[in-house]
N, C-alpha and C. Protein backbone atom coordinates (compact mmCIF):
# COMPACT_ATOMS: atom_id res chain seq x y z
N MET A 1 42.17 -81.02 -119.02
CA MET A 1 43.53 -81.19 -119.47
C MET A 1 43.67 -80.63 -120.88
N ARG A 2 44.66 -79.83 -121.07
CA ARG A 2 44.89 -79.24 -122.37
C ARG A 2 45.91 -80.06 -123.16
N ARG A 3 45.56 -80.36 -124.39
CA ARG A 3 46.46 -81.11 -125.26
C ARG A 3 47.55 -80.19 -125.79
N ARG A 4 48.77 -80.67 -125.75
CA ARG A 4 49.91 -79.88 -126.19
C ARG A 4 50.77 -80.71 -127.13
N GLN A 5 51.61 -80.03 -127.90
CA GLN A 5 52.59 -80.71 -128.74
C GLN A 5 53.95 -80.54 -128.07
N PHE A 6 54.64 -81.65 -127.87
CA PHE A 6 55.94 -81.59 -127.23
C PHE A 6 56.74 -82.85 -127.54
N ARG A 7 58.00 -82.76 -127.19
CA ARG A 7 58.91 -83.91 -127.27
C ARG A 7 59.48 -84.10 -125.88
N LEU A 8 59.51 -85.34 -125.43
CA LEU A 8 60.03 -85.66 -124.10
C LEU A 8 61.10 -86.73 -124.26
N LEU A 9 62.32 -86.41 -123.87
CA LEU A 9 63.43 -87.34 -123.92
C LEU A 9 63.61 -87.92 -122.53
N LEU A 10 63.60 -89.24 -122.42
CA LEU A 10 63.72 -89.88 -121.12
C LEU A 10 64.59 -91.13 -121.23
N GLU A 11 64.95 -91.69 -120.07
CA GLU A 11 65.81 -92.86 -120.02
C GLU A 11 65.15 -93.97 -119.19
N PRO A 12 64.18 -94.67 -119.76
CA PRO A 12 63.57 -95.77 -119.02
C PRO A 12 64.47 -97.00 -119.02
N ALA A 13 64.25 -97.87 -118.05
CA ALA A 13 64.96 -99.15 -118.00
C ALA A 13 64.49 -100.01 -119.18
N PRO A 14 65.28 -101.01 -119.59
CA PRO A 14 64.90 -101.84 -120.73
C PRO A 14 63.49 -102.45 -120.61
N GLN A 15 63.13 -102.96 -119.44
CA GLN A 15 61.80 -103.52 -119.24
C GLN A 15 60.72 -102.45 -119.41
N GLU A 16 61.00 -101.23 -118.98
CA GLU A 16 60.04 -100.14 -119.13
C GLU A 16 59.87 -99.76 -120.60
N VAL A 17 60.95 -99.82 -121.37
CA VAL A 17 60.85 -99.55 -122.81
C VAL A 17 59.92 -100.55 -123.46
N VAL A 18 60.05 -101.82 -123.09
CA VAL A 18 59.19 -102.87 -123.64
C VAL A 18 57.73 -102.58 -123.27
N CYS A 19 57.48 -102.26 -122.01
CA CYS A 19 56.10 -101.98 -121.58
C CYS A 19 55.52 -100.75 -122.28
N LEU A 20 56.32 -99.69 -122.42
CA LEU A 20 55.83 -98.49 -123.12
C LEU A 20 55.53 -98.80 -124.58
N THR A 21 56.38 -99.59 -125.22
CA THR A 21 56.16 -99.96 -126.62
C THR A 21 54.89 -100.79 -126.74
N GLN A 22 54.70 -101.74 -125.85
CA GLN A 22 53.49 -102.56 -125.89
C GLN A 22 52.25 -101.74 -125.58
N LEU A 23 52.36 -100.76 -124.68
CA LEU A 23 51.23 -99.88 -124.39
C LEU A 23 50.88 -99.05 -125.62
N HIS A 24 51.87 -98.52 -126.31
CA HIS A 24 51.61 -97.72 -127.50
C HIS A 24 50.94 -98.56 -128.58
N ARG A 25 51.40 -99.77 -128.77
CA ARG A 25 50.79 -100.66 -129.76
C ARG A 25 49.33 -100.98 -129.37
N TYR A 26 49.10 -101.24 -128.09
CA TYR A 26 47.75 -101.51 -127.60
C TYR A 26 46.85 -100.29 -127.84
N ALA A 27 47.35 -99.10 -127.52
CA ALA A 27 46.56 -97.87 -127.69
C ALA A 27 46.20 -97.65 -129.16
N GLY A 28 47.15 -97.91 -130.05
CA GLY A 28 46.89 -97.75 -131.48
C GLY A 28 45.84 -98.73 -131.97
N ASP A 29 45.89 -99.96 -131.48
CA ASP A 29 44.89 -100.96 -131.87
C ASP A 29 43.51 -100.58 -131.37
N VAL A 30 43.44 -100.12 -130.12
CA VAL A 30 42.14 -99.72 -129.55
C VAL A 30 41.58 -98.53 -130.31
N ALA A 31 42.43 -97.54 -130.61
CA ALA A 31 41.97 -96.36 -131.34
C ALA A 31 41.52 -96.73 -132.75
N GLY A 32 42.15 -97.75 -133.33
CA GLY A 32 41.76 -98.22 -134.66
C GLY A 32 40.59 -99.19 -134.62
N ARG A 33 40.01 -99.35 -133.44
CA ARG A 33 38.85 -100.20 -133.22
C ARG A 33 39.13 -101.66 -133.57
N ARG A 34 40.37 -102.08 -133.39
CA ARG A 34 40.72 -103.48 -133.61
C ARG A 34 40.79 -104.18 -132.28
N ARG A 35 40.72 -105.49 -132.33
CA ARG A 35 40.92 -106.31 -131.13
C ARG A 35 42.35 -106.10 -130.69
N ALA A 36 42.56 -105.61 -129.51
CA ALA A 36 43.88 -105.21 -129.06
C ALA A 36 44.50 -106.25 -128.13
N PRO A 37 45.53 -106.94 -128.61
CA PRO A 37 46.23 -107.84 -127.70
C PRO A 37 47.12 -107.03 -126.75
N ILE A 38 47.30 -107.53 -125.56
CA ILE A 38 48.19 -106.89 -124.60
C ILE A 38 49.49 -107.69 -124.61
N GLY A 39 50.60 -107.02 -124.80
CA GLY A 39 51.89 -107.69 -124.79
C GLY A 39 52.13 -108.38 -123.46
N GLU A 40 52.88 -109.46 -123.50
CA GLU A 40 53.10 -110.28 -122.30
C GLU A 40 53.76 -109.50 -121.17
N GLU A 41 54.79 -108.72 -121.47
CA GLU A 41 55.49 -107.96 -120.44
C GLU A 41 54.55 -106.93 -119.79
N LEU A 42 53.78 -106.23 -120.61
CA LEU A 42 52.84 -105.24 -120.11
C LEU A 42 51.73 -105.90 -119.29
N ASP A 43 51.24 -107.01 -119.77
CA ASP A 43 50.19 -107.74 -119.06
C ASP A 43 50.67 -108.16 -117.67
N GLN A 44 51.88 -108.69 -117.58
CA GLN A 44 52.43 -109.10 -116.29
C GLN A 44 52.66 -107.89 -115.38
N HIS A 45 53.11 -106.79 -115.96
CA HIS A 45 53.34 -105.57 -115.18
C HIS A 45 52.03 -105.07 -114.57
N ILE A 46 50.98 -104.99 -115.38
CA ILE A 46 49.68 -104.51 -114.90
C ILE A 46 49.10 -105.48 -113.87
N ALA A 47 49.23 -106.77 -114.13
CA ALA A 47 48.72 -107.77 -113.17
C ALA A 47 49.43 -107.65 -111.82
N GLY A 48 50.71 -107.30 -111.85
CA GLY A 48 51.44 -107.11 -110.59
C GLY A 48 51.00 -105.86 -109.84
N LEU A 49 50.65 -104.81 -110.57
CA LEU A 49 50.19 -103.57 -109.94
C LEU A 49 48.75 -103.66 -109.45
N PHE A 50 47.90 -104.31 -110.27
CA PHE A 50 46.46 -104.37 -109.98
C PHE A 50 45.99 -105.82 -110.11
N PRO A 51 46.32 -106.68 -109.14
CA PRO A 51 46.02 -108.12 -109.28
C PRO A 51 44.53 -108.45 -109.35
N GLN A 52 43.67 -107.63 -108.84
CA GLN A 52 42.24 -107.93 -108.81
C GLN A 52 41.48 -107.31 -109.97
N ARG A 53 42.17 -106.62 -110.88
CA ARG A 53 41.47 -105.92 -111.96
C ARG A 53 41.84 -106.50 -113.31
N ASP A 54 40.92 -106.35 -114.26
CA ASP A 54 41.16 -106.77 -115.63
C ASP A 54 42.17 -105.80 -116.25
N PRO A 55 43.30 -106.31 -116.79
CA PRO A 55 44.31 -105.42 -117.37
C PRO A 55 43.77 -104.49 -118.46
N ARG A 56 42.80 -104.95 -119.24
CA ARG A 56 42.23 -104.08 -120.29
C ARG A 56 41.54 -102.87 -119.68
N GLN A 57 40.83 -103.06 -118.59
CA GLN A 57 40.16 -101.94 -117.94
C GLN A 57 41.18 -100.94 -117.39
N VAL A 58 42.26 -101.47 -116.82
CA VAL A 58 43.31 -100.60 -116.30
C VAL A 58 43.93 -99.78 -117.43
N LEU A 59 44.29 -100.45 -118.52
CA LEU A 59 44.92 -99.76 -119.65
C LEU A 59 43.97 -98.77 -120.30
N ASP A 60 42.72 -99.15 -120.47
CA ASP A 60 41.74 -98.23 -121.07
C ASP A 60 41.55 -96.99 -120.21
N GLY A 61 41.54 -97.16 -118.90
CA GLY A 61 41.44 -96.02 -117.99
C GLY A 61 42.67 -95.13 -118.04
N LEU A 62 43.82 -95.74 -118.20
CA LEU A 62 45.07 -95.00 -118.28
C LEU A 62 45.18 -94.20 -119.57
N LEU A 63 44.70 -94.77 -120.67
CA LEU A 63 44.82 -94.14 -121.98
C LEU A 63 43.72 -93.14 -122.28
N GLY A 64 42.55 -93.32 -121.70
CA GLY A 64 41.45 -92.42 -121.97
C GLY A 64 40.81 -92.68 -123.32
N LYS A 65 40.02 -91.74 -123.77
CA LYS A 65 39.28 -91.88 -125.04
C LYS A 65 40.02 -91.19 -126.18
N GLY A 66 39.70 -91.59 -127.39
CA GLY A 66 40.24 -90.91 -128.57
C GLY A 66 41.53 -91.52 -129.06
N GLY A 67 42.20 -90.78 -129.92
CA GLY A 67 43.44 -91.24 -130.52
C GLY A 67 44.59 -91.28 -129.53
N VAL A 68 45.66 -91.90 -129.95
CA VAL A 68 46.81 -92.07 -129.07
C VAL A 68 47.43 -90.73 -128.70
N GLY A 69 47.71 -89.89 -129.68
CA GLY A 69 48.24 -88.55 -129.40
C GLY A 69 49.74 -88.49 -129.20
N TRP A 70 50.43 -89.64 -129.21
CA TRP A 70 51.88 -89.65 -129.02
C TRP A 70 52.48 -90.87 -129.70
N SER A 71 53.76 -90.76 -129.99
CA SER A 71 54.49 -91.87 -130.60
C SER A 71 55.81 -92.04 -129.86
N LEU A 72 56.47 -93.14 -130.13
CA LEU A 72 57.75 -93.45 -129.48
C LEU A 72 58.86 -93.52 -130.51
N GLY A 73 60.03 -93.12 -130.11
CA GLY A 73 61.19 -93.24 -130.97
C GLY A 73 62.45 -93.35 -130.14
N THR A 74 63.54 -93.66 -130.80
CA THR A 74 64.83 -93.74 -130.12
C THR A 74 65.73 -92.61 -130.60
N VAL A 75 66.79 -92.40 -129.86
CA VAL A 75 67.75 -91.37 -130.21
C VAL A 75 69.02 -92.08 -130.65
N PRO A 76 69.38 -91.99 -131.93
CA PRO A 76 70.60 -92.66 -132.39
C PRO A 76 71.82 -92.21 -131.61
N GLY A 77 72.59 -93.17 -131.15
CA GLY A 77 73.81 -92.88 -130.43
C GLY A 77 73.64 -92.46 -128.99
N GLN A 78 72.42 -92.56 -128.46
CA GLN A 78 72.19 -92.13 -127.07
C GLN A 78 71.73 -93.29 -126.19
N GLY A 79 72.27 -94.47 -126.43
CA GLY A 79 71.98 -95.61 -125.57
C GLY A 79 70.51 -95.93 -125.50
N ARG A 80 70.01 -95.99 -124.30
CA ARG A 80 68.61 -96.39 -124.13
C ARG A 80 67.64 -95.21 -124.01
N SER A 81 68.05 -94.06 -124.47
CA SER A 81 67.15 -92.91 -124.45
C SER A 81 65.96 -93.17 -125.36
N LEU A 82 64.84 -92.67 -124.95
CA LEU A 82 63.58 -92.84 -125.67
C LEU A 82 62.94 -91.47 -125.81
N ILE A 83 62.27 -91.25 -126.95
CA ILE A 83 61.56 -90.00 -127.18
C ILE A 83 60.07 -90.28 -127.22
N ILE A 84 59.32 -89.52 -126.47
CA ILE A 84 57.87 -89.48 -126.62
C ILE A 84 57.59 -88.20 -127.38
N LEU A 85 57.00 -88.35 -128.55
CA LEU A 85 56.72 -87.22 -129.43
C LEU A 85 55.22 -87.18 -129.68
N THR A 86 54.63 -86.02 -129.47
CA THR A 86 53.19 -85.91 -129.69
C THR A 86 52.87 -85.90 -131.17
N THR A 87 51.68 -86.35 -131.50
CA THR A 87 51.17 -86.26 -132.86
C THR A 87 50.46 -84.92 -133.00
N GLU A 88 49.86 -84.67 -134.17
CA GLU A 88 49.16 -83.41 -134.40
C GLU A 88 48.10 -83.13 -133.34
N ALA A 89 47.39 -84.17 -132.93
CA ALA A 89 46.32 -83.99 -131.95
C ALA A 89 46.85 -83.57 -130.60
N GLY A 90 48.09 -83.92 -130.30
CA GLY A 90 48.68 -83.57 -129.02
C GLY A 90 48.17 -84.46 -127.90
N VAL A 91 48.70 -84.24 -126.73
CA VAL A 91 48.31 -84.99 -125.54
C VAL A 91 48.61 -84.11 -124.33
N ALA A 92 47.86 -84.30 -123.28
CA ALA A 92 48.11 -83.54 -122.05
C ALA A 92 49.39 -84.05 -121.39
N VAL A 93 50.21 -83.15 -120.91
CA VAL A 93 51.44 -83.53 -120.23
C VAL A 93 51.10 -84.40 -119.02
N SER A 94 50.01 -84.08 -118.34
CA SER A 94 49.60 -84.86 -117.17
C SER A 94 49.24 -86.30 -117.56
N ALA A 95 48.72 -86.50 -118.76
CA ALA A 95 48.39 -87.87 -119.21
C ALA A 95 49.67 -88.68 -119.40
N ILE A 96 50.69 -88.07 -119.98
CA ILE A 96 51.98 -88.77 -120.15
C ILE A 96 52.61 -89.03 -118.79
N ALA A 97 52.52 -88.07 -117.88
CA ALA A 97 53.06 -88.27 -116.53
C ALA A 97 52.37 -89.44 -115.83
N ARG A 98 51.06 -89.55 -116.00
CA ARG A 98 50.31 -90.66 -115.40
C ARG A 98 50.75 -91.99 -116.01
N ILE A 99 50.95 -92.01 -117.32
CA ILE A 99 51.41 -93.23 -118.00
C ILE A 99 52.78 -93.62 -117.47
N LEU A 100 53.69 -92.67 -117.38
CA LEU A 100 55.03 -92.97 -116.88
C LEU A 100 54.99 -93.44 -115.43
N GLU A 101 54.14 -92.81 -114.64
CA GLU A 101 54.02 -93.20 -113.23
C GLU A 101 53.63 -94.67 -113.09
N GLN A 102 52.73 -95.15 -113.94
CA GLN A 102 52.25 -96.52 -113.84
C GLN A 102 53.11 -97.52 -114.62
N ILE A 103 53.56 -97.13 -115.81
CA ILE A 103 54.21 -98.07 -116.72
C ILE A 103 55.74 -98.00 -116.65
N ALA A 104 56.30 -96.83 -116.42
CA ALA A 104 57.75 -96.67 -116.40
C ALA A 104 58.19 -95.75 -115.26
N PRO A 105 57.90 -96.14 -114.02
CA PRO A 105 58.21 -95.23 -112.91
C PRO A 105 59.70 -94.94 -112.74
N GLY A 106 60.56 -95.86 -113.16
CA GLY A 106 61.99 -95.61 -113.05
C GLY A 106 62.45 -94.44 -113.91
N ALA A 107 61.74 -94.19 -115.01
CA ALA A 107 62.09 -93.07 -115.89
C ALA A 107 61.90 -91.73 -115.18
N LEU A 108 61.00 -91.69 -114.22
CA LEU A 108 60.75 -90.45 -113.48
C LEU A 108 61.89 -90.12 -112.52
N LEU A 109 62.74 -91.10 -112.23
CA LEU A 109 63.85 -90.90 -111.31
C LEU A 109 65.12 -90.43 -112.01
N ARG A 110 65.11 -90.47 -113.34
CA ARG A 110 66.27 -90.07 -114.12
C ARG A 110 65.99 -88.74 -114.84
N PRO A 111 67.03 -88.05 -115.26
CA PRO A 111 66.82 -86.77 -115.95
C PRO A 111 65.96 -86.93 -117.21
N MET A 112 65.15 -85.94 -117.47
CA MET A 112 64.31 -85.88 -118.67
C MET A 112 64.50 -84.51 -119.31
N ILE A 113 64.23 -84.46 -120.60
CA ILE A 113 64.24 -83.17 -121.30
C ILE A 113 62.88 -82.99 -121.95
N TYR A 114 62.19 -81.93 -121.54
CA TYR A 114 60.88 -81.58 -122.10
C TYR A 114 61.09 -80.42 -123.06
N GLU A 115 60.61 -80.59 -124.28
CA GLU A 115 60.75 -79.54 -125.28
C GLU A 115 59.39 -79.26 -125.92
N PRO A 116 58.78 -78.11 -125.64
CA PRO A 116 57.51 -77.79 -126.30
C PRO A 116 57.74 -77.59 -127.79
N LEU A 117 56.78 -77.99 -128.57
CA LEU A 117 56.87 -77.83 -130.02
C LEU A 117 55.86 -76.79 -130.46
N LEU A 118 56.34 -75.80 -131.17
CA LEU A 118 55.47 -74.79 -131.75
C LEU A 118 55.43 -75.08 -133.23
N LEU A 119 54.36 -75.65 -133.68
CA LEU A 119 54.26 -76.11 -135.06
C LEU A 119 53.71 -75.00 -135.95
N GLU A 120 54.52 -74.58 -136.93
CA GLU A 120 54.05 -73.60 -137.88
C GLU A 120 53.10 -74.23 -138.88
N ASN A 121 53.41 -75.43 -139.29
CA ASN A 121 52.58 -76.16 -140.23
C ASN A 121 52.30 -77.54 -139.64
N PRO A 122 51.17 -77.70 -138.93
CA PRO A 122 50.89 -78.96 -138.26
C PRO A 122 50.93 -80.19 -139.19
N SER A 123 50.70 -80.02 -140.48
CA SER A 123 50.70 -81.17 -141.39
C SER A 123 52.12 -81.73 -141.56
N GLU A 124 53.16 -80.95 -141.22
CA GLU A 124 54.53 -81.44 -141.30
C GLU A 124 54.88 -82.37 -140.15
N HIS A 125 54.08 -82.36 -139.12
CA HIS A 125 54.33 -83.16 -137.94
C HIS A 125 53.94 -84.60 -138.21
N CYS A 126 54.91 -85.47 -138.28
CA CYS A 126 54.60 -86.88 -138.63
C CYS A 126 54.14 -87.64 -137.40
N GLY A 127 53.57 -88.81 -137.63
CA GLY A 127 53.03 -89.63 -136.55
C GLY A 127 54.08 -90.49 -135.88
N SER A 128 54.08 -91.77 -136.17
CA SER A 128 54.88 -92.73 -135.44
C SER A 128 56.35 -92.68 -135.84
N LEU A 129 57.20 -92.83 -134.85
CA LEU A 129 58.64 -92.87 -135.10
C LEU A 129 59.15 -94.30 -135.15
N HIS A 130 58.34 -95.27 -134.87
CA HIS A 130 58.83 -96.66 -134.87
C HIS A 130 58.06 -97.54 -135.81
């Protein structure tokens, strides 16, 4: 999988926004080598999908190794639209698709806007939007 820099605008349901936010926080804690709590909504969601598995193992498998590679933000004046924006390290589009498939499948049913980013100066690319 090739890491890319991009912005993805999507419209997840409110519960999916909560789960994506909790997943991002969990991923950041794991990457920072801290004890990572799993948010209640995300924990219940994973338990419903994989009742026989430890939610941490499921999330760790979904996120893979290394840094998070993406951040979340909102679009002012655009209702419940959410932006997934890659960090300097980038992330594979297929990895984000896998995350959406498991954590926010309803977002895949609504229109999305994918915008590749061509960074002239990667140091200008900021990290977290929230």
